[in-house]
């Protein structure tokens, strides 16, 4: 069975100097930014729901759930970016995780 070249040396078509790893890292960066922006938007919407609830327990609960969900989503996005960054670092340099 023939040996496959490393991912950094393969390119289907015109890559414009970009490797598979750098393209993947760029995708992760864009997705993390988009999820962060969406999380901030949902935190604002949850806060507006809390402010306009006028003590209505259902609206207060909905606002709190919206804010909590946005914060959880933001934490998951950050952790995903960190984990994938470590995987990409290991794949491209052959070095293990940061000590």
C-alpha atoms as a PDB file:
ATOM      1  CA  UNK A   1       0.000   0.000   0.000  1.00  0.00           C
ATOM      2  CA  UNK A   2       1.509   3.396  -0.970  1.00  0.00           C
ATOM      3  CA  UNK A   3       2.310   5.932   1.736  1.00  0.00           C
ATOM      4  CA  UNK A   4       0.182   9.039   1.817  1.00  0.00           C
ATOM      5  CA  UNK A   5       1.922  12.414   2.041  1.00  0.00           C
ATOM      6  CA  UNK A   6       1.346  14.518   5.174  1.00  0.00           C
ATOM      7  CA  UNK A   7      -1.773  16.654   5.127  1.00  0.00           C
ATOM      8  CA  UNK A   8       0.282  19.831   4.881  1.00  0.00           C
ATOM      9  CA  UNK A   9       1.660  18.678   1.520  1.00  0.00           C
ATOM     10  CA  UNK A  10      -1.628  17.703  -0.111  1.00  0.00           C
ATOM     11  CA  UNK A  11      -3.909  20.013  -1.999  1.00  0.00           C
ATOM     12  CA  UNK A  12      -6.802  19.248  -4.282  1.00  0.00           C
ATOM     13  CA  UNK A  13      -6.789  21.929  -6.931  1.00  0.00           C
ATOM     14  CA  UNK A  14      -5.506  25.445  -6.300  1.00  0.00           C
ATOM     15  CA  UNK A  15      -5.028  25.996  -2.549  1.00  0.00           C
ATOM     16  CA  UNK A  16      -3.464  29.439  -2.889  1.00  0.00           C
ATOM     17  CA  UNK A  17      -0.751  28.419  -0.437  1.00  0.00           C
ATOM     18  CA  UNK A  18      -3.162  27.191   2.236  1.00  0.00           C
ATOM     19  CA  UNK A  19      -2.858  23.764   3.776  1.00  0.00           C
ATOM     20  CA  UNK A  20      -5.727  21.650   5.040  1.00  0.00           C
ATOM     21  CA  UNK A  21      -4.743  22.467   8.618  1.00  0.00           C
ATOM     22  CA  UNK A  22      -4.748  26.234   8.134  1.00  0.00           C
ATOM     23  CA  UNK A  23      -8.101  26.059   6.368  1.00  0.00           C
ATOM     24  CA  UNK A  24      -9.527  24.003   9.233  1.00  0.00           C
ATOM     25  CA  UNK A  25      -8.127  26.431  11.798  1.00  0.00           C
ATOM     26  CA  UNK A  26      -9.667  29.357   9.917  1.00  0.00           C
ATOM     27  CA  UNK A  27     -13.057  27.610   9.870  1.00  0.00           C
ATOM     28  CA  UNK A  28     -12.854  27.012  13.631  1.00  0.00           C
ATOM     29  CA  UNK A  29     -11.956  30.678  14.214  1.00  0.00           C
ATOM     30  CA  UNK A  30     -14.912  31.911  12.152  1.00  0.00           C
ATOM     31  CA  UNK A  31     -17.330  29.490  13.821  1.00  0.00           C
ATOM     32  CA  UNK A  32     -16.102  30.468  17.302  1.00  0.00           C
ATOM     33  CA  UNK A  33     -16.562  34.142  16.464  1.00  0.00           C
ATOM     34  CA  UNK A  34     -20.068  33.511  15.088  1.00  0.00           C
ATOM     35  CA  UNK A  35     -21.104  31.483  18.139  1.00  0.00           C
ATOM     36  CA  UNK A  36     -19.671  34.183  20.415  1.00  0.00           C
ATOM     37  CA  UNK A  37     -21.637  36.880  18.606  1.00  0.00           C
ATOM     38  CA  UNK A  38     -24.828  34.801  18.779  1.00  0.00           C
ATOM     39  CA  UNK A  39     -24.249  34.195  22.490  1.00  0.00           C
ATOM     40  CA  UNK A  40     -23.896  37.911  23.172  1.00  0.00           C
ATOM     41  CA  UNK A  41     -27.088  38.545  21.202  1.00  0.00           C
ATOM     42  CA  UNK A  42     -28.994  35.936  23.209  1.00  0.00           C
ATOM     43  CA  UNK A  43     -27.645  37.336  26.493  1.00  0.00           C
ATOM     44  CA  UNK A  44     -28.985  40.748  25.463  1.00  0.00           C
ATOM     45  CA  UNK A  45     -32.347  39.255  24.460  1.00  0.00           C
ATOM     46  CA  UNK A  46     -32.547  37.401  27.790  1.00  0.00           C
ATOM     47  CA  UNK A  47     -31.737  40.606  29.665  1.00  0.00           C
ATOM     48  CA  UNK A  48     -34.444  42.479  27.756  1.00  0.00           C
ATOM     49  CA  UNK A  49     -36.879  39.698  28.630  1.00  0.00           C
ATOM     50  CA  UNK A  50     -35.948  40.058  32.310  1.00  0.00           C
ATOM     51  CA  UNK A  51     -36.249  43.841  32.244  1.00  0.00           C
ATOM     52  CA  UNK A  52     -39.641  43.825  30.519  1.00  0.00           C
ATOM     53  CA  UNK A  53     -41.076  40.960  32.591  1.00  0.00           C
ATOM     54  CA  UNK A  54     -42.753  43.278  35.136  1.00  0.00           C
ATOM     55  CA  UNK A  55     -42.461  40.494  37.701  1.00  0.00           C
ATOM     56  CA  UNK A  56     -44.238  37.908  35.534  1.00  0.00           C
ATOM     57  CA  UNK A  57     -42.673  34.628  36.725  1.00  0.00           C
ATOM     58  CA  UNK A  58     -42.928  32.993  33.286  1.00  0.00           C
ATOM     59  CA  UNK A  59     -41.057  35.826  31.548  1.00  0.00           C
ATOM     60  CA  UNK A  60     -38.442  35.937  34.314  1.00  0.00           C
ATOM     61  CA  UNK A  61     -37.883  32.190  33.972  1.00  0.00           C
ATOM     62  CA  UNK A  62     -37.669  32.462  30.175  1.00  0.00           C
ATOM     63  CA  UNK A  63     -35.128  35.307  30.421  1.00  0.00           C
ATOM     64  CA  UNK A  64     -32.974  33.397  32.898  1.00  0.00           C
ATOM     65  CA  UNK A  65     -33.064  30.266  30.726  1.00  0.00           C
ATOM     66  CA  UNK A  66     -32.078  32.284  27.661  1.00  0.00           C
ATOM     67  CA  UNK A  67     -29.109  33.842  29.448  1.00  0.00           C
ATOM     68  CA  UNK A  68     -28.014  30.517  30.948  1.00  0.00           C
ATOM     69  CA  UNK A  69     -28.245  28.759  27.568  1.00  0.00           C
ATOM     70  CA  UNK A  70     -26.216  31.520  25.901  1.00  0.00           C
ATOM     71  CA  UNK A  71     -23.496  31.312  28.549  1.00  0.00           C
ATOM     72  CA  UNK A  72     -23.331  27.513  28.271  1.00  0.00           C
ATOM     73  CA  UNK A  73     -23.105  27.792  24.473  1.00  0.00           C
ATOM     74  CA  UNK A  74     -20.306  30.338  24.761  1.00  0.00           C
ATOM     75  CA  UNK A  75     -18.332  28.132  27.173  1.00  0.00           C
ATOM     76  CA  UNK A  76     -18.763  25.108  24.882  1.00  0.00           C
ATOM     77  CA  UNK A  77     -17.603  27.150  21.872  1.00  0.00           C
ATOM     78  CA  UNK A  78     -14.506  28.376  23.709  1.00  0.00           C
ATOM     79  CA  UNK A  79     -13.636  24.886  24.945  1.00  0.00           C
ATOM     80  CA  UNK A  80     -14.132  23.487  21.441  1.00  0.00           C
ATOM     81  CA  UNK A  81     -11.807  26.106  19.964  1.00  0.00           C
ATOM     82  CA  UNK A  82      -9.148  25.360  22.591  1.00  0.00           C
ATOM     83  CA  UNK A  83      -9.380  21.587  22.094  1.00  0.00           C
ATOM     84  CA  UNK A  84      -9.303  21.836  18.296  1.00  0.00           C
ATOM     85  CA  UNK A  85      -6.411  24.280  18.509  1.00  0.00           C
ATOM     86  CA  UNK A  86      -4.445  21.729  20.516  1.00  0.00           C
ATOM     87  CA  UNK A  87      -5.327  18.971  18.062  1.00  0.00           C
ATOM     88  CA  UNK A  88      -4.236  21.153  15.135  1.00  0.00           C
ATOM     89  CA  UNK A  89      -1.004  22.057  16.929  1.00  0.00           C
ATOM     90  CA  UNK A  90      -0.261  18.402  17.577  1.00  0.00           C
ATOM     91  CA  UNK A  91      -1.118  17.437  13.997  1.00  0.00           C
ATOM     92  CA  UNK A  92       0.994  20.148  12.384  1.00  0.00           C
ATOM     93  CA  UNK A  93       4.043  20.211  14.668  1.00  0.00           C
ATOM     94  CA  UNK A  94       4.036  16.734  16.148  1.00  0.00           C
ATOM     95  CA  UNK A  95       4.362  18.252  19.612  1.00  0.00           C
ATOM     96  CA  UNK A  96       1.998  17.316  22.398  1.00  0.00           C
ATOM     97  CA  UNK A  97      -0.330  19.623  24.274  1.00  0.00           C
ATOM     98  CA  UNK A  98       0.981  22.691  26.031  1.00  0.00           C
ATOM     99  CA  UNK A  99       2.628  21.591  29.320  1.00  0.00           C
END
